[in-house]
N, C-alpha and C. Protein backbone atom coordinates (compact mmCIF):
# COMPACT_ATOMS: atom_id res chain seq x y z
N MET A 1 0.15 -10.88 14.02
CA MET A 1 1.20 -9.56 14.84
C MET A 1 -0.24 -8.88 15.44
N SER A 2 -0.16 -8.36 16.39
CA SER A 2 -1.40 -7.22 17.04
C SER A 2 -0.53 -6.12 16.35
N SER A 3 -1.31 -5.06 15.94
CA SER A 3 -1.70 -3.63 15.40
C SER A 3 -0.65 -3.13 16.58
N ASN A 4 -1.15 -2.97 18.11
CA ASN A 4 -0.54 -2.27 18.78
C ASN A 4 0.85 -2.54 19.27
N LYS A 5 1.28 -3.69 18.63
CA LYS A 5 2.78 -3.81 19.01
C LYS A 5 3.70 -3.65 17.75
N LEU A 6 3.28 -2.73 16.81
CA LEU A 6 3.78 -2.53 15.53
C LEU A 6 4.80 -1.22 16.02
N SER A 7 5.97 -1.27 15.26
CA SER A 7 7.11 -0.29 15.59
C SER A 7 7.31 0.64 14.76
N LEU A 8 6.56 1.85 14.50
CA LEU A 8 6.46 2.90 13.38
C LEU A 8 7.89 3.03 12.62
N THR A 9 9.14 2.94 13.77
CA THR A 9 10.47 2.97 13.20
C THR A 9 10.87 2.09 12.38
N ARG A 10 10.39 0.79 12.71
CA ARG A 10 11.14 -0.62 12.04
C ARG A 10 10.05 -0.56 10.61
N LEU A 11 8.74 0.09 11.13
CA LEU A 11 7.94 -0.17 9.72
C LEU A 11 8.63 0.69 8.97
N TRP A 12 8.84 2.03 9.53
CA TRP A 12 9.67 2.73 8.05
C TRP A 12 11.03 2.38 7.53
N ALA A 13 11.57 1.50 8.79
CA ALA A 13 12.97 1.49 8.19
C ALA A 13 12.83 -0.01 7.14
N VAL A 14 12.03 -0.92 7.14
CA VAL A 14 11.50 -2.14 6.62
C VAL A 14 11.11 -1.44 5.10
N GLY A 15 10.25 -0.37 5.06
CA GLY A 15 9.60 0.06 4.01
C GLY A 15 10.69 0.55 2.97
N SER A 16 11.67 1.46 3.77
CA SER A 16 13.09 1.97 3.30
C SER A 16 13.99 1.07 2.45
N VAL A 17 14.08 0.26 3.30
CA VAL A 17 15.02 -0.60 2.20
C VAL A 17 14.33 -1.80 1.21
N LEU A 18 12.89 -1.65 1.18
CA LEU A 18 12.37 -2.19 0.04
C LEU A 18 12.35 -1.48 -1.24
N VAL A 19 12.03 0.00 -0.66
CA VAL A 19 12.09 0.78 -1.87
C VAL A 19 13.57 1.38 -2.43
N ALA A 20 14.54 1.60 -1.50
CA ALA A 20 15.63 1.47 -2.26
C ALA A 20 16.39 0.14 -2.94
N PHE A 21 15.71 -1.23 -2.42
CA PHE A 21 16.25 -2.23 -2.52
C PHE A 21 15.56 -2.56 -4.25
N GLY A 22 14.06 -2.26 -4.48
CA GLY A 22 13.73 -1.72 -5.89
C GLY A 22 14.33 -0.85 -6.89
N THR A 23 14.63 0.26 -6.05
CA THR A 23 14.92 1.36 -7.09
C THR A 23 16.42 0.89 -7.63
N PHE A 24 17.16 0.22 -6.57
CA PHE A 24 18.55 -0.43 -7.49
C PHE A 24 18.39 -1.38 -8.25
N GLY A 25 17.51 -2.16 -8.24
CA GLY A 25 17.15 -2.98 -9.28
C GLY A 25 16.59 -2.47 -10.77
N TYR A 26 15.67 -1.45 -10.50
CA TYR A 26 15.01 -0.71 -11.42
C TYR A 26 16.44 -0.26 -12.32
N TYR A 27 17.18 0.53 -11.28
CA TYR A 27 18.19 1.11 -12.19
C TYR A 27 19.35 0.33 -12.60
N ALA A 28 19.73 -0.83 -12.30
CA ALA A 28 20.51 -1.48 -12.58
C ALA A 28 20.42 -2.23 -13.86
N ILE A 29 18.97 -3.14 -13.71
CA ILE A 29 18.61 -3.76 -14.62
C ILE A 29 18.30 -3.56 -16.13
N ASP A 30 18.60 -3.88 -17.10
CA ASP A 30 18.23 -3.43 -18.46
C ASP A 30 16.78 -4.03 -18.64
N GLY A 31 16.09 -3.39 -19.32
CA GLY A 31 14.78 -3.31 -19.42
C GLY A 31 13.69 -3.13 -19.07
N LEU A 32 13.49 -2.74 -17.29
CA LEU A 32 13.10 -2.99 -16.70
C LEU A 32 11.98 -1.72 -16.65
N ILE A 33 12.57 -0.86 -17.23
CA ILE A 33 12.20 0.55 -17.58
C ILE A 33 11.74 0.84 -19.17
N ASP A 34 11.06 1.33 -19.32
CA ASP A 34 10.87 2.01 -21.01
C ASP A 34 11.31 3.19 -21.17
N ASP A 35 12.66 3.69 -21.58
CA ASP A 35 13.26 4.64 -21.53
C ASP A 35 12.69 5.55 -22.83
N SER A 36 11.92 5.09 -23.75
CA SER A 36 11.40 6.21 -24.45
C SER A 36 10.19 6.68 -24.15
N GLN A 37 9.76 6.70 -22.74
CA GLN A 37 9.00 7.58 -22.12
C GLN A 37 9.57 8.67 -21.59
N GLY A 38 10.87 8.57 -21.64
CA GLY A 38 11.57 10.01 -21.20
C GLY A 38 11.54 9.98 -19.81
N GLY A 39 12.34 11.21 -19.11
CA GLY A 39 12.51 11.35 -17.68
C GLY A 39 13.88 10.99 -17.03
N SER A 40 14.09 11.59 -16.06
CA SER A 40 15.80 10.96 -15.18
C SER A 40 15.59 9.54 -15.13
N HIS A 41 16.41 8.56 -15.40
CA HIS A 41 16.36 7.14 -15.22
C HIS A 41 16.25 6.89 -13.72
N LEU A 42 17.19 7.70 -12.89
CA LEU A 42 17.17 7.67 -11.50
C LEU A 42 15.45 7.84 -11.03
N VAL A 43 14.86 8.64 -11.18
CA VAL A 43 13.32 8.94 -10.80
C VAL A 43 12.62 7.81 -11.28
N ASN A 44 12.61 7.62 -12.62
CA ASN A 44 12.15 6.48 -12.99
C ASN A 44 12.12 5.36 -12.07
N SER A 45 13.47 4.96 -11.81
CA SER A 45 13.66 3.97 -11.07
C SER A 45 12.80 3.91 -9.44
N PHE A 46 12.91 5.18 -9.25
CA PHE A 46 12.65 5.12 -7.62
C PHE A 46 10.92 5.03 -8.04
N TYR A 47 10.24 5.71 -9.07
CA TYR A 47 8.99 6.03 -9.23
C TYR A 47 8.36 4.16 -9.80
N CYS A 48 9.11 3.54 -10.34
CA CYS A 48 8.25 2.31 -10.90
C CYS A 48 8.79 1.31 -9.56
N SER A 49 9.72 1.52 -8.65
CA SER A 49 10.14 0.83 -7.26
C SER A 49 8.80 1.11 -6.52
N VAL A 50 8.33 1.87 -5.94
CA VAL A 50 7.26 2.28 -5.15
C VAL A 50 5.85 2.26 -5.80
N ILE A 51 5.76 2.06 -7.31
CA ILE A 51 4.53 1.97 -7.81
C ILE A 51 4.20 0.10 -7.66
N THR A 52 5.25 -0.61 -7.96
CA THR A 52 5.17 -2.02 -7.75
C THR A 52 5.26 -2.21 -6.25
N LEU A 53 5.95 -1.81 -5.18
CA LEU A 53 5.77 -2.40 -4.16
C LEU A 53 4.19 -1.90 -3.57
N THR A 54 3.61 -0.82 -3.88
CA THR A 54 2.30 -0.51 -3.51
C THR A 54 1.35 -1.21 -4.01
N THR A 55 1.23 -1.81 -4.97
CA THR A 55 0.75 -2.66 -6.00
C THR A 55 0.13 -1.82 -6.90
N VAL A 56 0.07 -0.60 -6.84
CA VAL A 56 -0.49 -0.04 -8.00
C VAL A 56 -0.49 -0.29 -9.46
N GLY A 57 0.85 -0.50 -9.61
CA GLY A 57 1.27 -0.94 -10.90
C GLY A 57 0.34 -0.10 -12.38
N TYR A 58 0.85 1.04 -12.84
CA TYR A 58 0.14 1.72 -13.35
C TYR A 58 0.73 0.92 -14.87
N GLY A 59 1.57 0.40 -15.36
CA GLY A 59 2.47 -0.36 -16.39
C GLY A 59 2.53 0.82 -17.56
N ASP A 60 2.90 2.01 -16.92
CA ASP A 60 3.05 3.36 -18.03
C ASP A 60 4.52 3.50 -18.39
N ILE A 61 5.59 3.43 -17.74
CA ILE A 61 6.85 3.11 -18.00
C ILE A 61 8.06 1.69 -17.43
N CYS A 62 6.94 0.92 -17.20
CA CYS A 62 7.45 -0.03 -16.48
C CYS A 62 6.66 -1.25 -16.73
N PRO A 63 6.79 -2.69 -16.91
CA PRO A 63 8.06 -3.12 -17.87
C PRO A 63 8.57 -2.42 -18.65
N GLY A 64 9.79 -2.49 -19.19
CA GLY A 64 9.71 -2.22 -20.86
C GLY A 64 10.20 -3.78 -21.16
N ASP A 65 11.33 -4.11 -22.01
CA ASP A 65 11.60 -5.06 -22.64
C ASP A 65 12.55 -5.85 -21.55
N MET A 66 11.58 -6.82 -20.74
CA MET A 66 12.35 -7.44 -19.70
C MET A 66 13.05 -8.80 -20.25
N ASP A 67 14.07 -9.14 -19.81
CA ASP A 67 14.66 -10.66 -19.78
C ASP A 67 14.26 -11.20 -18.72
N ASP A 68 14.62 -12.44 -18.68
CA ASP A 68 14.33 -13.55 -17.35
C ASP A 68 14.74 -12.87 -15.94
N LEU A 69 16.16 -12.09 -15.89
CA LEU A 69 16.34 -11.94 -14.66
C LEU A 69 15.67 -10.78 -14.25
N GLY A 70 15.19 -9.94 -15.14
CA GLY A 70 13.96 -8.72 -14.69
C GLY A 70 12.59 -9.07 -14.28
N ARG A 71 12.04 -10.29 -14.93
CA ARG A 71 11.20 -10.95 -14.47
C ARG A 71 11.02 -11.53 -13.00
N LEU A 72 12.33 -12.01 -13.26
CA LEU A 72 12.43 -12.84 -11.63
C LEU A 72 12.41 -11.62 -10.55
N PHE A 73 13.26 -10.60 -10.88
CA PHE A 73 13.15 -9.36 -9.91
C PHE A 73 11.83 -8.66 -9.54
N VAL A 74 10.96 -8.42 -10.63
CA VAL A 74 9.78 -7.72 -10.21
C VAL A 74 8.98 -8.68 -9.74
N VAL A 75 9.10 -10.25 -9.62
CA VAL A 75 8.29 -11.00 -9.13
C VAL A 75 8.72 -11.10 -7.47
N ALA A 76 9.93 -11.15 -7.27
CA ALA A 76 10.34 -10.97 -6.21
C ALA A 76 10.05 -9.38 -4.98
N LEU A 77 10.28 -8.46 -5.75
CA LEU A 77 9.96 -7.31 -5.19
C LEU A 77 8.24 -7.22 -5.15
N SER A 78 7.48 -7.94 -5.74
CA SER A 78 5.92 -7.72 -5.84
C SER A 78 5.75 -8.27 -4.57
N PHE A 79 5.98 -9.87 -4.35
CA PHE A 79 5.95 -10.77 -3.39
C PHE A 79 6.02 -9.58 -2.11
N GLY A 80 7.11 -8.91 -2.07
CA GLY A 80 7.65 -7.85 -0.89
C GLY A 80 6.76 -7.10 -0.72
N GLY A 81 5.83 -6.11 -1.48
CA GLY A 81 5.32 -5.53 -1.75
C GLY A 81 4.29 -5.67 -1.01
N LEU A 82 3.45 -7.03 -1.37
CA LEU A 82 2.31 -7.73 -0.92
C LEU A 82 2.58 -7.85 0.49
N GLY A 83 3.50 -8.76 0.89
CA GLY A 83 3.74 -9.12 2.06
C GLY A 83 3.73 -7.77 3.23
N PHE A 84 4.32 -6.59 2.69
CA PHE A 84 4.55 -5.32 3.05
C PHE A 84 3.29 -4.71 3.71
N PHE A 85 2.45 -4.36 2.40
CA PHE A 85 1.76 -3.72 2.49
C PHE A 85 0.18 -4.07 2.87
N CYS A 86 0.17 -5.49 2.56
CA CYS A 86 -1.19 -6.45 3.07
C CYS A 86 -0.77 -6.61 4.36
N GLY A 87 0.17 -6.80 4.99
CA GLY A 87 0.94 -7.39 6.41
C GLY A 87 0.47 -5.82 7.44
N PRO A 88 1.93 -5.65 7.73
CA PRO A 88 2.10 -4.56 8.84
C PRO A 88 1.42 -3.19 8.47
N VAL A 89 1.41 -2.84 7.10
CA VAL A 89 0.94 -1.52 6.71
C VAL A 89 -0.94 -1.23 6.91
N MET A 90 -1.09 -2.53 6.48
CA MET A 90 -2.62 -2.79 6.88
C MET A 90 -3.22 -2.66 8.19
N ASP A 91 -2.03 -3.37 8.87
CA ASP A 91 -2.38 -3.42 10.62
C ASP A 91 -2.04 -2.20 11.30
N ALA A 92 -1.38 -1.44 10.96
CA ALA A 92 -1.08 -0.37 11.20
C ALA A 92 -2.24 0.84 11.01
N ALA A 93 -2.66 0.72 9.52
CA ALA A 93 -3.99 1.44 8.98
C ALA A 93 -4.78 1.41 10.27
N SER A 94 -5.15 0.03 9.97
CA SER A 94 -6.07 -0.62 11.08
C SER A 94 -6.33 0.40 12.38
N SER A 95 -4.87 0.08 13.12
CA SER A 95 -4.97 0.38 14.44
C SER A 95 -5.24 2.17 14.45
N TRP A 96 -4.42 3.32 13.73
CA TRP A 96 -4.85 4.60 14.08
C TRP A 96 -5.93 4.99 14.04
N SER A 97 -6.65 4.05 12.45
CA SER A 97 -8.39 4.65 12.15
C SER A 97 -8.93 4.71 13.56
N ARG A 98 -8.53 3.77 14.18
CA ARG A 98 -9.53 3.53 15.90
C ARG A 98 -9.41 4.45 16.75
N ARG A 99 -7.96 5.13 16.79
CA ARG A 99 -7.50 5.98 17.42
C ARG A 99 -8.16 7.55 17.59
N ILE A 100 -8.43 7.84 16.46
CA ILE A 100 -8.65 9.47 15.94
C ILE A 100 -10.04 9.75 15.97
N PRO A 101 -10.56 10.81 16.25
CA PRO A 101 -12.23 11.08 16.06
C PRO A 101 -12.71 10.77 14.69
N GLY A 102 -13.73 10.36 14.37
CA GLY A 102 -14.24 10.15 12.95
C GLY A 102 -13.81 9.13 12.15
N GLY A 103 -12.39 8.44 12.91
CA GLY A 103 -11.97 7.48 11.79
C GLY A 103 -11.20 7.61 11.01
N ALA A 104 -10.86 6.98 10.06
CA ALA A 104 -10.14 7.38 8.76
C ALA A 104 -10.79 8.40 7.55
N PHE A 105 -12.02 8.81 7.72
CA PHE A 105 -12.55 9.48 6.64
C PHE A 105 -12.08 10.58 6.49
N GLY A 106 -11.73 11.64 7.74
CA GLY A 106 -11.08 12.89 7.21
C GLY A 106 -9.59 13.22 6.63
N PRO A 107 -8.97 12.17 7.40
CA PRO A 107 -7.60 11.71 6.44
C PRO A 107 -7.46 11.12 5.33
N ALA A 108 -8.63 10.43 4.53
CA ALA A 108 -8.61 10.09 3.75
C ALA A 108 -9.23 11.00 2.57
N VAL A 109 -10.06 11.94 3.12
CA VAL A 109 -10.32 13.22 2.22
C VAL A 109 -9.40 14.05 2.10
N PHE A 110 -8.51 14.32 2.89
CA PHE A 110 -7.52 15.34 2.75
C PHE A 110 -6.72 14.56 1.63
N ALA A 111 -6.48 13.01 1.98
CA ALA A 111 -5.21 12.57 1.09
C ALA A 111 -5.95 12.38 -0.32
N LEU A 112 -6.88 12.62 -1.14
CA LEU A 112 -7.47 12.64 -1.97
C LEU A 112 -7.14 14.01 -2.36
N TYR A 113 -7.58 14.77 -1.56
CA TYR A 113 -7.58 16.48 -2.12
C TYR A 113 -6.09 16.65 -2.41
N CYS A 114 -4.98 16.16 -1.50
CA CYS A 114 -3.94 16.26 -2.03
C CYS A 114 -3.30 15.70 -3.36
N GLY A 115 -3.98 14.41 -2.96
CA GLY A 115 -3.80 14.06 -4.63
C GLY A 115 -4.02 14.69 -5.76
N THR A 116 -5.52 15.08 -5.65
CA THR A 116 -6.37 15.72 -6.69
C THR A 116 -5.28 17.18 -7.15
N LEU A 117 -4.48 18.05 -6.33
CA LEU A 117 -4.05 19.14 -6.37
C LEU A 117 -2.72 18.77 -7.15
N LEU A 118 -2.36 17.39 -6.74
CA LEU A 118 -0.80 17.15 -7.51
C LEU A 118 -1.32 17.00 -8.92
N PHE A 119 -1.86 16.12 -9.25
CA PHE A 119 -2.19 15.77 -10.51
C PHE A 119 -2.89 17.32 -11.37
N VAL A 120 -3.14 18.15 -10.76
CA VAL A 120 -4.04 18.87 -11.36
C VAL A 120 -2.88 20.12 -11.97
N HIS A 121 -1.96 20.34 -10.94
CA HIS A 121 -0.94 21.69 -10.86
C HIS A 121 0.18 20.91 -11.32
N ILE A 122 0.73 19.83 -10.96
CA ILE A 122 1.92 19.37 -11.44
C ILE A 122 1.84 18.69 -12.97
N GLU A 123 0.57 17.88 -13.22
CA GLU A 123 0.20 17.24 -14.45
C GLU A 123 -0.54 17.92 -15.13
N GLY A 124 -1.09 18.87 -14.56
CA GLY A 124 -1.90 19.91 -16.06
C GLY A 124 -3.15 19.08 -16.22
N MET A 125 -3.84 18.34 -15.17
CA MET A 125 -4.95 17.43 -15.76
C MET A 125 -6.19 18.27 -15.17
N ASP A 126 -7.60 18.03 -15.67
CA ASP A 126 -8.35 18.85 -14.91
C ASP A 126 -9.16 18.03 -13.63
N ILE A 127 -9.76 18.58 -12.96
CA ILE A 127 -10.50 18.27 -11.63
C ILE A 127 -10.72 17.16 -11.77
N GLN A 128 -11.75 16.85 -13.02
CA GLN A 128 -12.29 15.09 -12.87
C GLN A 128 -11.30 13.95 -12.88
N ARG A 129 -10.25 14.49 -14.03
CA ARG A 129 -9.11 13.18 -14.42
C ARG A 129 -8.58 13.37 -13.28
N ALA A 130 -7.97 14.31 -12.56
CA ALA A 130 -7.06 14.22 -11.42
C ALA A 130 -7.44 13.51 -10.39
N LEU A 131 -8.91 13.67 -10.03
CA LEU A 131 -9.65 13.15 -8.88
C LEU A 131 -9.68 11.75 -8.87
N TYR A 132 -9.94 11.39 -10.39
CA TYR A 132 -10.34 10.12 -10.61
C TYR A 132 -8.68 9.16 -10.37
N CYS A 133 -7.78 10.02 -10.72
CA CYS A 133 -6.28 9.27 -10.56
C CYS A 133 -5.53 9.37 -9.44
N ALA A 134 -6.24 10.09 -8.52
CA ALA A 134 -5.99 10.14 -7.07
C ALA A 134 -6.70 8.98 -6.62
N PHE A 135 -7.90 8.82 -6.79
CA PHE A 135 -8.55 7.38 -6.28
C PHE A 135 -8.06 6.27 -6.90
N ILE A 136 -7.95 6.21 -7.85
CA ILE A 136 -7.06 5.19 -8.66
C ILE A 136 -5.81 4.45 -8.03
N THR A 137 -5.01 5.48 -7.65
CA THR A 137 -3.60 5.39 -6.95
C THR A 137 -3.89 4.87 -5.80
N GLY A 138 -4.68 5.70 -4.87
CA GLY A 138 -4.90 5.14 -3.12
C GLY A 138 -5.35 4.43 -3.50
N THR A 139 -6.18 3.48 -4.10
CA THR A 139 -6.86 2.19 -3.88
C THR A 139 -6.18 1.17 -4.86
N THR A 140 -4.92 1.67 -5.17
CA THR A 140 -3.98 0.61 -5.95
C THR A 140 -4.60 -0.25 -6.90
N THR A 141 -5.87 0.60 -7.50
CA THR A 141 -6.14 0.21 -8.88
C THR A 141 -5.29 -0.23 -9.97
N GLY A 142 -4.61 1.25 -10.17
CA GLY A 142 -3.62 1.74 -11.04
C GLY A 142 -4.07 0.86 -12.59
N TYR A 143 -4.98 1.65 -13.12
CA TYR A 143 -5.30 1.34 -14.50
C TYR A 143 -4.47 1.65 -15.39
N GLY A 144 -3.55 2.74 -15.35
CA GLY A 144 -2.48 3.22 -16.33
C GLY A 144 -3.19 4.13 -17.36
N ASP A 145 -4.24 4.33 -17.53
CA ASP A 145 -4.94 4.98 -18.55
C ASP A 145 -4.31 6.51 -18.35
N LEU A 146 -4.62 6.75 -16.95
CA LEU A 146 -3.89 7.77 -16.63
C LEU A 146 -2.65 7.71 -15.49
N SER A 147 -1.54 8.62 -15.83
CA SER A 147 -0.48 8.60 -14.71
C SER A 147 0.56 9.74 -15.36
N PRO A 148 1.39 9.72 -14.28
CA PRO A 148 2.34 10.92 -14.30
C PRO A 148 3.22 11.09 -15.28
N LYS A 149 3.69 12.32 -16.20
CA LYS A 149 4.64 12.12 -16.88
C LYS A 149 5.85 13.06 -16.70
N THR A 150 5.90 13.67 -15.76
CA THR A 150 6.86 14.40 -15.70
C THR A 150 7.57 13.78 -14.26
N ASP A 151 9.06 14.35 -14.22
CA ASP A 151 9.94 13.77 -13.06
C ASP A 151 9.20 14.39 -12.04
N ALA A 152 9.00 15.31 -11.64
CA ALA A 152 8.37 16.12 -10.63
C ALA A 152 7.18 15.07 -10.07
N GLY A 153 6.26 15.33 -11.19
CA GLY A 153 5.03 14.17 -10.64
C GLY A 153 5.09 12.77 -10.46
N ARG A 154 5.94 12.07 -10.93
CA ARG A 154 6.39 10.64 -10.67
C ARG A 154 7.11 10.68 -9.15
N VAL A 155 8.04 11.62 -8.87
CA VAL A 155 8.39 11.39 -7.50
C VAL A 155 6.89 12.07 -6.63
N LEU A 156 6.59 13.17 -6.91
CA LEU A 156 5.16 13.36 -5.61
C LEU A 156 4.13 12.14 -5.77
N THR A 157 4.25 11.55 -6.85
CA THR A 157 3.13 10.30 -6.95
C THR A 157 3.68 9.26 -6.09
N ALA A 158 4.82 8.77 -6.35
CA ALA A 158 5.53 7.97 -5.78
C ALA A 158 5.35 8.33 -4.02
N PHE A 159 5.15 9.50 -3.10
CA PHE A 159 5.01 9.92 -2.07
C PHE A 159 3.78 9.86 -1.54
N TYR A 160 2.89 10.52 -2.64
CA TYR A 160 1.34 10.35 -2.42
C TYR A 160 0.89 8.59 -2.21
N ALA A 161 1.50 7.63 -3.28
CA ALA A 161 0.99 6.70 -3.01
C ALA A 161 0.99 5.67 -1.66
N VAL A 162 2.47 5.90 -1.11
CA VAL A 162 2.91 5.48 -0.24
C VAL A 162 1.65 6.03 0.78
N VAL A 163 1.28 7.39 1.19
CA VAL A 163 0.65 7.66 2.34
C VAL A 163 -1.07 7.03 2.09
N ALA A 164 -1.42 7.62 0.71
CA ALA A 164 -2.90 7.43 0.36
C ALA A 164 -3.34 5.70 0.52
N VAL A 165 -2.03 4.97 0.00
CA VAL A 165 -2.43 3.43 0.24
C VAL A 165 -2.76 3.30 1.78
N ASN A 166 -2.24 3.62 2.74
CA ASN A 166 -2.32 3.52 4.12
C ASN A 166 -3.14 4.19 4.59
N VAL A 167 -3.78 5.41 4.20
CA VAL A 167 -4.90 6.17 4.49
C VAL A 167 -6.18 5.83 4.76
N ILE A 168 -6.05 5.44 3.02
CA ILE A 168 -7.38 4.83 2.10
C ILE A 168 -7.64 3.24 2.71
N GLY A 169 -6.41 2.75 3.20
CA GLY A 169 -6.42 1.14 3.63
C GLY A 169 -7.36 1.36 5.01
N GLY A 170 -7.26 2.49 5.95
CA GLY A 170 -7.70 2.55 6.81
C GLY A 170 -9.55 2.87 6.98
N LEU A 171 -9.62 3.68 5.68
CA LEU A 171 -11.06 3.94 5.31
C LEU A 171 -11.67 2.68 5.33
N LEU A 172 -10.65 1.96 4.57
CA LEU A 172 -12.03 0.43 4.09
C LEU A 172 -11.95 -0.41 5.51
N GLU A 173 -11.49 -0.08 6.22
CA GLU A 173 -11.47 -1.24 7.60
C GLU A 173 -12.83 -1.58 7.88
N PRO A 174 -13.74 -0.38 8.24
CA PRO A 174 -14.91 -1.18 8.39
C PRO A 174 -15.82 -2.32 7.40
N ALA A 175 -15.08 -2.22 5.90
CA ALA A 175 -15.86 -2.81 4.90
C ALA A 175 -15.31 -4.15 4.97
N ARG A 176 -13.97 -4.26 5.32
CA ARG A 176 -13.07 -5.31 5.82
C ARG A 176 -13.54 -6.12 6.62
N GLY A 177 -14.00 -5.75 7.58
CA GLY A 177 -14.77 -6.07 9.11
C GLY A 177 -15.84 -6.90 8.86
N TYR A 178 -16.85 -6.05 7.47
CA TYR A 178 -17.99 -6.53 7.64
C TYR A 178 -18.11 -7.73 6.62
N LEU A 179 -16.97 -7.70 5.81
CA LEU A 179 -17.05 -8.59 4.48
C LEU A 179 -16.49 -10.21 5.55
N THR A 180 -15.68 -9.60 6.44
CA THR A 180 -14.79 -10.78 7.06
C THR A 180 -15.95 -11.58 7.93
N SER A 181 -16.85 -10.80 8.69
CA SER A 181 -17.92 -11.58 9.52
C SER A 181 -18.81 -11.75 8.56
N ILE A 182 -18.97 -11.76 7.32
CA ILE A 182 -19.95 -12.56 6.60
C ILE A 182 -19.13 -14.32 5.97
N CYS A 183 -17.82 -14.25 5.84
CA CYS A 183 -17.40 -15.03 5.45
C CYS A 183 -17.09 -15.86 6.66
N ILE A 184 -17.36 -15.75 8.11
CA ILE A 184 -17.02 -16.51 9.10
C ILE A 184 -18.51 -17.74 9.16
N PRO A 185 -18.42 -18.96 9.25
CA PRO A 185 -19.34 -20.07 9.48
C PRO A 185 -20.42 -19.66 10.40
N LYS A 186 -21.70 -19.29 10.28
CA LYS A 186 -22.82 -19.01 11.01
C LYS A 186 -22.96 -20.28 11.87
N ASN A 187 -22.60 -21.74 11.53
CA ASN A 187 -23.10 -22.92 12.30
C ASN A 187 -22.10 -23.05 13.63
N ILE A 188 -20.87 -22.39 13.96
CA ILE A 188 -20.67 -22.03 14.92
C ILE A 188 -20.84 -21.41 16.33
N ASP A 189 -21.23 -22.17 17.16
CA ASP A 189 -22.10 -21.78 18.47
C ASP A 189 -21.12 -21.21 19.03
N ASP A 190 -21.81 -19.65 19.39
CA ASP A 190 -20.80 -18.62 20.04
C ASP A 190 -20.62 -18.83 21.24
N GLY A 191 -21.72 -19.92 22.07
CA GLY A 191 -21.37 -19.81 23.55
C GLY A 191 -20.43 -20.52 23.80
N ASP A 192 -20.04 -22.03 23.18
CA ASP A 192 -19.13 -22.47 23.03
C ASP A 192 -17.73 -22.16 22.72
N LEU A 193 -17.92 -21.33 21.82
CA LEU A 193 -16.75 -20.67 21.30
C LEU A 193 -16.21 -19.66 22.41
N LEU A 194 -17.08 -18.72 23.07
CA LEU A 194 -17.02 -18.09 24.39
C LEU A 194 -16.22 -18.91 25.07
N LYS A 195 -17.01 -20.12 25.97
CA LYS A 195 -16.86 -21.04 26.28
C LYS A 195 -14.87 -21.54 26.59
N ASP A 196 -14.59 -21.82 25.16
CA ASP A 196 -13.37 -22.58 25.04
C ASP A 196 -12.16 -20.91 25.21
N ILE A 197 -12.65 -19.85 25.11
CA ILE A 197 -11.90 -18.86 25.06
C ILE A 197 -11.29 -18.97 26.52
N LYS A 198 -12.31 -18.57 27.17
CA LYS A 198 -11.98 -18.40 28.76
C LYS A 198 -11.29 -19.30 29.31
N ASN A 199 -11.77 -20.65 28.76
CA ASN A 199 -10.64 -21.87 29.21
C ASN A 199 -9.28 -21.86 28.88
N LYS A 200 -8.67 -21.45 27.76
CA LYS A 200 -7.85 -21.14 27.17
C LYS A 200 -7.23 -20.15 28.13
N ALA A 201 -7.96 -18.76 28.33
CA ALA A 201 -7.30 -17.94 29.23
C ALA A 201 -6.75 -18.22 30.41
N ASN A 202 -7.83 -18.91 31.21
CA ASN A 202 -7.79 -19.83 32.30
C ASN A 202 -6.59 -20.44 32.64
N LYS A 203 -6.06 -21.28 31.73
CA LYS A 203 -5.26 -22.06 31.62
C LYS A 203 -3.86 -21.24 32.01
N LYS A 204 -3.57 -20.34 30.72
CA LYS A 204 -2.66 -19.31 30.76
C LYS A 204 -2.25 -18.79 31.64
N SER A 205 -3.46 -18.53 32.47
CA SER A 205 -3.39 -17.59 33.85
C SER A 205 -2.61 -18.49 35.15
N LYS A 206 -3.11 -19.82 35.02
CA LYS A 206 -2.83 -20.64 35.65
C LYS A 206 -1.57 -21.19 35.86
N LYS A 207 -0.95 -21.25 34.39
CA LYS A 207 0.86 -21.63 34.00
C LYS A 207 1.63 -20.08 34.47
N LYS A 208 0.72 -18.66 34.45
CA LYS A 208 1.73 -17.99 34.72
C LYS A 208 1.96 -18.08 36.39
N GLN A 209 0.92 -18.21 37.12
CA GLN A 209 0.89 -18.21 38.71
C GLN A 209 1.84 -19.29 39.04
N SER A 210 1.95 -20.61 38.79
CA SER A 210 2.71 -21.52 38.87
C SER A 210 4.12 -21.13 38.43
């Protein structure tokens, strides 16, 4: 799918449906959340839904003591998250990062700054730990050694994760392009490849004219 054909309205609509589905599942299915960690069950359900969909996966309050239904739900939600964030979201990140001066560097730094402030002021972390947690969240590494403990922190972390994954995904676009170029076989004749592309374009043009 071409990134310039993506509808941001549809992108947000699909994302909202996935988050709502995940929140409902975590709220309704017993054993998905470790309730001994405290906090509002609804907030925890929303938090776990977003953290699963974005593939951050801290593992702090979810999963709890899951049964087979819970495992099936998590697998289904994870596939939805991978398909959504590794597909249209990454396409969108690649698109907007090319259209702004300086690329995604400025927005990525600002996102990490906001994430650091979140973990400092809401969760009471020192600056080093907060910056580490913001980076681990934005890159979807999500070790789980540090994670939010309060309801406010979990809600804000969920929103931060959605934004940061998109923004930092745009920052990593040059690395993705470079690594992709390395993986392309070098034995392909560029001249023949270019001729093949031109021939296909000419055939399409002739079909339209006819």
